N, C-alpha and C. Protein backbone atom coordinates (compact mmCIF):
# COMPACT_ATOMS: atom_id res chain seq x y z
N MET A 1 -2.53 -15.67 13.20
CA MET A 1 -1.19 -14.93 13.62
C MET A 1 -0.50 -14.42 13.24
N GLN A 2 0.20 -13.20 13.20
CA GLN A 2 1.92 -12.70 12.56
C GLN A 2 2.65 -12.64 13.06
N LEU A 3 3.96 -12.96 12.62
CA LEU A 3 5.19 -13.43 13.22
C LEU A 3 6.00 -11.97 12.43
N VAL A 4 6.03 -11.11 13.61
CA VAL A 4 6.56 -9.86 13.27
C VAL A 4 8.83 -10.26 13.31
N ASN A 5 8.94 -9.43 11.80
CA ASN A 5 10.84 -9.48 11.89
C ASN A 5 10.96 -8.40 11.78
N THR A 6 12.56 -8.39 11.84
CA THR A 6 13.27 -6.44 11.46
C THR A 6 14.35 -7.33 10.59
N PRO A 7 14.65 -5.86 9.86
CA PRO A 7 16.50 -6.46 9.58
C PRO A 7 16.97 -7.48 10.23
N TYR A 8 17.07 -7.05 11.54
CA TYR A 8 18.29 -7.55 12.55
C TYR A 8 17.58 -8.63 12.44
N SER A 9 16.45 -8.61 12.91
CA SER A 9 16.24 -10.04 14.01
C SER A 9 16.27 -11.44 12.99
N LEU A 10 16.69 -11.21 11.80
CA LEU A 10 16.39 -12.44 11.14
C LEU A 10 17.92 -13.05 11.24
N GLN A 11 18.68 -12.00 11.28
CA GLN A 11 20.19 -12.37 11.62
C GLN A 11 20.69 -13.25 12.90
N SER A 12 19.49 -12.81 13.99
CA SER A 12 19.27 -13.30 15.62
C SER A 12 19.35 -15.07 15.72
N LYS A 13 20.22 -15.21 16.87
CA LYS A 13 20.67 -16.15 16.87
C LYS A 13 19.42 -17.41 18.29
N GLY A 14 18.70 -16.42 19.02
CA GLY A 14 17.40 -16.65 19.42
C GLY A 14 16.45 -17.31 18.73
N HIS A 15 15.88 -17.72 19.07
CA HIS A 15 14.23 -19.00 19.19
C HIS A 15 13.41 -18.39 19.38
N TYR A 16 12.89 -16.30 18.48
CA TYR A 16 11.98 -15.77 18.73
C TYR A 16 11.79 -14.73 17.63
N SER A 17 10.20 -14.39 17.87
CA SER A 17 9.97 -12.99 16.29
C SER A 17 9.72 -11.44 17.61
N PRO A 18 10.04 -10.41 17.26
CA PRO A 18 10.57 -9.23 17.74
C PRO A 18 8.98 -8.95 18.07
N ALA A 19 8.37 -9.47 17.72
CA ALA A 19 6.51 -8.89 17.84
C ALA A 19 5.44 -10.52 17.16
N VAL A 20 4.76 -10.14 17.61
CA VAL A 20 4.11 -10.78 16.67
C VAL A 20 2.36 -10.08 17.38
N ILE A 21 1.71 -10.11 15.87
CA ILE A 21 0.82 -9.07 15.64
C ILE A 21 -0.59 -11.08 16.26
N HIS A 22 -1.51 -10.62 16.74
CA HIS A 22 -2.72 -11.60 16.58
C HIS A 22 -4.06 -10.57 17.48
N GLY A 23 -4.84 -10.18 16.71
CA GLY A 23 -6.08 -9.76 16.28
C GLY A 23 -5.08 -8.21 16.18
N ASP A 24 -5.75 -7.21 17.24
CA ASP A 24 -5.34 -5.89 16.81
C ASP A 24 -4.90 -5.76 17.68
N LEU A 25 -3.97 -6.54 18.52
CA LEU A 25 -3.21 -6.38 19.49
C LEU A 25 -2.07 -6.70 18.77
N VAL A 26 -0.69 -6.17 19.30
CA VAL A 26 0.46 -6.69 19.14
C VAL A 26 1.49 -6.48 20.44
N TYR A 27 2.35 -7.83 20.47
CA TYR A 27 3.00 -8.07 21.52
C TYR A 27 4.16 -8.00 20.71
N VAL A 28 5.03 -7.26 21.99
CA VAL A 28 6.77 -6.72 21.66
C VAL A 28 7.87 -7.38 22.69
N SER A 29 8.47 -8.44 21.84
CA SER A 29 9.29 -9.59 22.55
C SER A 29 10.05 -8.17 23.66
N GLY A 30 11.09 -8.93 24.90
CA GLY A 30 12.07 -7.64 25.65
C GLY A 30 12.77 -6.84 24.15
N GLN A 31 13.08 -5.75 24.42
CA GLN A 31 13.83 -5.07 24.07
C GLN A 31 15.01 -4.04 24.84
N LEU A 32 15.90 -5.30 23.97
CA LEU A 32 17.59 -4.48 25.14
C LEU A 32 17.68 -3.09 24.25
N PRO A 33 18.97 -1.99 25.16
CA PRO A 33 19.20 -0.91 24.63
C PRO A 33 20.46 -1.51 23.61
N ILE A 34 19.99 -2.31 22.53
CA ILE A 34 21.38 -2.08 21.76
C ILE A 34 21.10 -1.38 19.84
N ASN A 35 22.21 -0.58 20.52
CA ASN A 35 21.99 0.49 18.79
C ASN A 35 22.29 -0.89 17.35
N TYR A 36 21.43 -1.44 16.71
CA TYR A 36 21.47 -2.26 15.96
C TYR A 36 21.61 -1.69 14.67
N ALA A 37 22.07 0.19 14.35
CA ALA A 37 22.20 0.79 13.14
C ALA A 37 23.47 0.53 13.18
N GLU A 38 24.58 0.85 14.40
CA GLU A 38 25.97 1.08 14.80
C GLU A 38 26.85 -0.96 15.76
N GLU A 39 26.56 -1.85 14.37
CA GLU A 39 27.09 -2.60 15.16
C GLU A 39 26.54 -3.32 15.98
N GLU A 40 25.72 -3.67 16.47
CA GLU A 40 25.10 -4.33 17.41
C GLU A 40 26.29 -3.38 19.08
N THR A 41 26.05 -2.39 18.62
CA THR A 41 26.60 -2.29 20.37
C THR A 41 25.30 -1.47 21.54
N LEU A 42 25.65 -1.62 22.67
CA LEU A 42 25.33 -1.18 24.05
C LEU A 42 25.28 0.76 23.85
N PRO A 43 24.80 1.66 23.80
CA PRO A 43 24.76 2.52 24.07
C PRO A 43 25.85 3.17 25.21
N LYS A 44 26.94 4.63 24.82
CA LYS A 44 27.32 4.86 26.16
C LYS A 44 26.98 6.26 27.20
N GLY A 45 26.36 6.50 27.99
CA GLY A 45 25.95 7.11 28.96
C GLY A 45 24.79 6.75 29.26
N GLY A 46 25.24 4.85 30.31
CA GLY A 46 24.78 4.03 31.77
C GLY A 46 23.52 4.35 31.52
N ILE A 47 22.44 4.07 32.00
CA ILE A 47 20.89 3.60 32.15
C ILE A 47 20.27 4.48 31.27
N LYS A 48 20.21 5.96 30.98
CA LYS A 48 19.91 7.06 30.81
C LYS A 48 19.79 6.76 29.17
N GLU A 49 20.79 6.58 28.70
CA GLU A 49 21.08 6.41 27.48
C GLU A 49 19.90 5.04 26.33
N GLN A 50 20.53 3.98 28.31
CA GLN A 50 20.34 1.86 27.64
C GLN A 50 18.68 2.77 27.42
N THR A 51 18.73 3.39 28.23
CA THR A 51 16.73 3.26 28.64
C THR A 51 16.04 3.90 27.01
N ARG A 52 17.02 5.20 26.41
CA ARG A 52 17.09 5.39 25.55
C ARG A 52 16.34 4.84 24.32
N GLN A 53 17.53 3.80 24.11
CA GLN A 53 17.64 3.30 23.13
C GLN A 53 16.49 2.38 23.06
N ALA A 54 16.54 1.33 24.44
CA ALA A 54 15.51 0.75 24.65
C ALA A 54 13.59 0.92 23.58
N LEU A 55 13.65 2.45 24.88
CA LEU A 55 12.46 2.71 24.23
C LEU A 55 12.01 2.90 22.45
N LYS A 56 13.67 3.41 21.60
CA LYS A 56 13.23 3.52 20.29
C LYS A 56 13.49 2.32 19.39
N ASN A 57 14.09 1.33 20.30
CA ASN A 57 13.92 -0.48 19.54
C ASN A 57 12.11 -0.75 19.60
N MET A 58 11.51 -0.09 21.34
CA MET A 58 10.35 -0.63 21.14
C MET A 58 9.25 0.13 19.78
N ALA A 59 9.52 1.62 19.89
CA ALA A 59 8.61 2.62 18.36
C ALA A 59 9.22 1.84 17.62
N ASP A 60 10.04 1.23 16.86
CA ASP A 60 10.39 1.53 15.63
C ASP A 60 9.78 0.24 15.45
N ILE A 61 9.76 -0.72 16.65
CA ILE A 61 9.27 -2.10 15.67
C ILE A 61 7.60 -1.96 15.63
N LEU A 62 7.04 -1.32 17.27
CA LEU A 62 5.73 -1.13 16.73
C LEU A 62 5.31 0.33 15.55
N GLU A 63 6.42 0.80 15.21
CA GLU A 63 5.82 1.48 13.66
C GLU A 63 5.36 0.64 12.74
N GLN A 64 6.22 -0.62 12.91
CA GLN A 64 6.63 -1.59 11.47
C GLN A 64 5.48 -2.32 11.27
N CYS A 65 4.79 -2.06 12.22
CA CYS A 65 3.11 -2.89 12.64
C CYS A 65 2.18 -1.84 12.67
N GLY A 66 2.13 -1.20 13.05
CA GLY A 66 1.63 -0.15 12.21
C GLY A 66 0.24 -0.14 13.46
N SER A 67 1.53 -0.11 14.67
CA SER A 67 1.30 0.91 16.03
C SER A 67 1.79 2.14 16.13
N GLY A 68 1.98 2.81 17.85
CA GLY A 68 2.60 3.83 17.66
C GLY A 68 3.18 3.69 19.27
N LYS A 69 3.69 4.87 20.40
CA LYS A 69 3.66 4.36 21.33
C LYS A 69 2.53 5.19 22.60
N GLU A 70 1.49 6.19 21.83
CA GLU A 70 0.53 6.16 22.36
C GLU A 70 -0.65 4.90 22.21
N LYS A 71 -0.05 3.45 21.28
CA LYS A 71 -1.52 3.33 21.27
C LYS A 71 -0.79 1.72 22.53
N VAL A 72 0.42 1.66 22.81
CA VAL A 72 0.59 1.12 23.90
C VAL A 72 0.20 1.17 25.27
N LEU A 73 -0.73 -0.44 25.97
CA LEU A 73 -1.38 -0.92 26.84
C LEU A 73 -0.93 -1.48 28.25
N LYS A 74 -0.19 -1.86 27.71
CA LYS A 74 1.03 -2.42 29.04
C LYS A 74 2.27 -2.31 28.75
N THR A 75 3.44 -2.53 29.93
CA THR A 75 4.93 -2.29 29.40
C THR A 75 5.19 -3.35 31.20
N THR A 76 6.70 -4.00 30.60
CA THR A 76 7.16 -4.96 31.87
C THR A 76 8.51 -4.48 31.13
N VAL A 77 9.19 -3.47 32.16
CA VAL A 77 10.53 -3.49 32.18
C VAL A 77 11.72 -3.77 33.53
N TYR A 78 12.52 -4.34 32.92
CA TYR A 78 14.03 -5.87 33.84
C TYR A 78 14.82 -5.07 33.51
N ILE A 79 15.09 -4.72 35.23
CA ILE A 79 16.39 -3.46 35.48
C ILE A 79 16.91 -4.37 36.45
N PRO A 80 18.76 -4.69 35.94
CA PRO A 80 19.35 -5.73 37.43
C PRO A 80 19.79 -4.38 38.83
N ASN A 81 19.25 -3.19 39.13
CA ASN A 81 19.36 -2.77 40.26
C ASN A 81 18.71 -1.67 40.41
N ILE A 82 17.67 -1.73 41.13
CA ILE A 82 16.32 -0.95 41.88
C ILE A 82 16.43 0.67 41.85
N ASP A 83 17.80 0.26 42.31
CA ASP A 83 18.28 2.58 42.42
C ASP A 83 18.06 2.64 40.78
N TYR A 84 17.65 2.20 39.81
CA TYR A 84 17.99 2.40 38.54
C TYR A 84 16.37 3.15 38.27
N TRP A 85 15.37 3.03 38.81
CA TRP A 85 14.62 2.87 39.33
C TRP A 85 13.64 4.96 38.91
N PRO A 86 14.64 5.94 39.30
CA PRO A 86 13.91 7.02 39.23
C PRO A 86 14.84 7.17 38.20
N VAL A 87 15.83 7.19 37.55
CA VAL A 87 16.36 8.16 35.95
C VAL A 87 15.89 6.85 34.95
N VAL A 88 15.00 5.40 34.87
CA VAL A 88 14.56 4.84 33.81
C VAL A 88 12.71 5.83 33.87
N ASN A 89 11.87 5.93 35.49
CA ASN A 89 10.89 6.84 35.04
C ASN A 89 11.48 7.87 34.85
N GLU A 90 12.10 8.82 34.41
CA GLU A 90 12.64 10.13 34.67
C GLU A 90 12.43 9.89 32.18
N ILE A 91 13.46 9.05 31.95
CA ILE A 91 12.59 8.84 30.60
C ILE A 91 12.30 8.32 30.47
N TYR A 92 11.50 7.78 30.56
CA TYR A 92 9.88 6.32 30.52
C TYR A 92 8.80 8.16 30.06
N GLY A 93 9.01 8.84 31.59
CA GLY A 93 8.02 9.61 31.58
C GLY A 93 7.87 11.04 29.98
N GLU A 94 9.21 11.06 29.88
CA GLU A 94 9.82 12.47 28.44
C GLU A 94 9.46 11.08 27.50
N PHE A 95 9.42 9.98 26.98
CA PHE A 95 9.56 9.09 26.13
C PHE A 95 7.29 9.03 25.53
N PHE A 96 7.12 8.78 27.12
CA PHE A 96 5.36 8.63 26.58
C PHE A 96 4.74 10.15 26.90
N GLY A 97 5.46 10.85 27.37
CA GLY A 97 4.49 11.88 27.55
C GLY A 97 3.37 12.05 28.15
N ASP A 98 2.05 12.85 28.01
CA ASP A 98 0.71 12.29 28.74
C ASP A 98 0.41 11.33 28.89
N HIS A 99 0.81 10.03 28.33
CA HIS A 99 0.18 9.49 27.80
C HIS A 99 0.96 8.03 28.71
N LYS A 100 0.03 6.97 29.99
CA LYS A 100 0.66 6.15 31.02
C LYS A 100 0.69 5.32 30.97
N PRO A 101 0.62 4.30 30.45
CA PRO A 101 -0.25 2.50 29.80
C PRO A 101 0.53 2.18 30.64
N ALA A 102 -0.41 0.93 31.35
CA ALA A 102 0.05 0.14 32.47
C ALA A 102 1.79 -0.25 32.69
N ARG A 103 2.28 -0.74 34.29
CA ARG A 103 3.36 -0.46 34.04
C ARG A 103 4.22 -1.37 35.08
N THR A 104 4.84 -2.42 34.35
CA THR A 104 5.68 -3.40 36.07
C THR A 104 7.10 -2.66 36.00
N ILE A 105 7.67 -2.69 36.65
CA ILE A 105 9.05 -2.11 36.96
C ILE A 105 9.41 -4.23 37.20
N VAL A 106 10.22 -4.75 36.73
CA VAL A 106 10.98 -6.13 37.83
C VAL A 106 12.55 -5.59 38.16
N PRO A 107 12.77 -5.37 39.01
CA PRO A 107 14.43 -5.84 39.94
C PRO A 107 14.79 -7.13 39.10
N THR A 108 15.58 -7.12 38.92
CA THR A 108 16.46 -8.77 38.18
C THR A 108 17.37 -8.82 38.60
N ASN A 109 18.09 -9.95 37.70
CA ASN A 109 19.66 -10.08 37.83
C ASN A 109 20.50 -10.01 36.73
N THR A 110 21.59 -9.98 36.08
CA THR A 110 22.34 -9.59 35.10
C THR A 110 21.14 -9.33 34.03
N LEU A 111 21.44 -8.77 33.17
CA LEU A 111 20.34 -9.00 31.82
C LEU A 111 21.60 -9.28 30.34
N HIS A 112 21.02 -10.23 29.81
CA HIS A 112 21.77 -10.30 28.38
C HIS A 112 22.75 -9.11 27.82
N PHE A 113 23.96 -9.51 27.91
CA PHE A 113 25.47 -8.79 27.72
C PHE A 113 25.45 -7.84 28.33
N GLU A 114 24.97 -7.93 29.22
CA GLU A 114 24.94 -6.57 30.66
C GLU A 114 24.53 -5.61 29.95
N ALA A 115 23.24 -5.40 29.57
CA ALA A 115 21.90 -4.51 29.40
C ALA A 115 21.76 -4.03 30.74
N LEU A 116 21.55 -3.14 31.19
CA LEU A 116 21.02 -2.36 32.09
C LEU A 116 19.34 -2.25 32.27
N ILE A 117 18.93 -2.42 31.46
CA ILE A 117 17.20 -2.52 31.01
C ILE A 117 17.14 -3.34 29.91
N GLU A 118 15.39 -4.05 29.61
CA GLU A 118 14.83 -4.29 29.04
C GLU A 118 13.46 -4.27 29.24
N LEU A 119 13.34 -4.42 28.06
CA LEU A 119 11.80 -3.89 28.16
C LEU A 119 10.82 -4.31 27.66
N GLU A 120 8.84 -4.79 27.48
CA GLU A 120 8.36 -5.28 26.42
C GLU A 120 7.35 -4.53 26.76
N ALA A 121 6.18 -4.91 25.69
CA ALA A 121 5.18 -3.86 25.49
C ALA A 121 3.74 -5.24 25.30
N ILE A 122 2.78 -4.48 25.15
CA ILE A 122 1.70 -4.53 24.65
C ILE A 122 0.96 -3.33 23.55
N ALA A 123 0.55 -3.66 22.38
CA ALA A 123 0.22 -2.45 22.46
C ALA A 123 -1.46 -2.61 21.80
N TYR A 124 -2.02 -1.67 21.23
CA TYR A 124 -3.21 -1.81 19.67
C TYR A 124 -2.64 -1.17 18.57
N ILE A 125 -3.58 -2.08 17.49
CA ILE A 125 -3.18 -1.49 16.27
C ILE A 125 -4.74 -0.31 15.62
């Protein structure tokens, strides 16, 4: 088992790894739509831009692990309002293109930092 860190996670107060590699699988922890390159802020633009940022964060970690979005097997997406589903689905489809990993969307309560989306993934390497 290999624990994966990023330059940003090394400063995190949370007790977790952004990803864990085991065998030929990578498990990506929940990714918030935080733009770590810009002082850890949520992007402006609501659910559309937050979805794009969360997917980008996931893709960056997958790349660091030797994987990629085309190797994602399953995602779990958390949103605080099921009314966001159509927009999330649209951006998600743009991101993955013809690749359709298994997916669960979970309507939940308020997310950390009042984010509008958090997603996690399992992919192969």
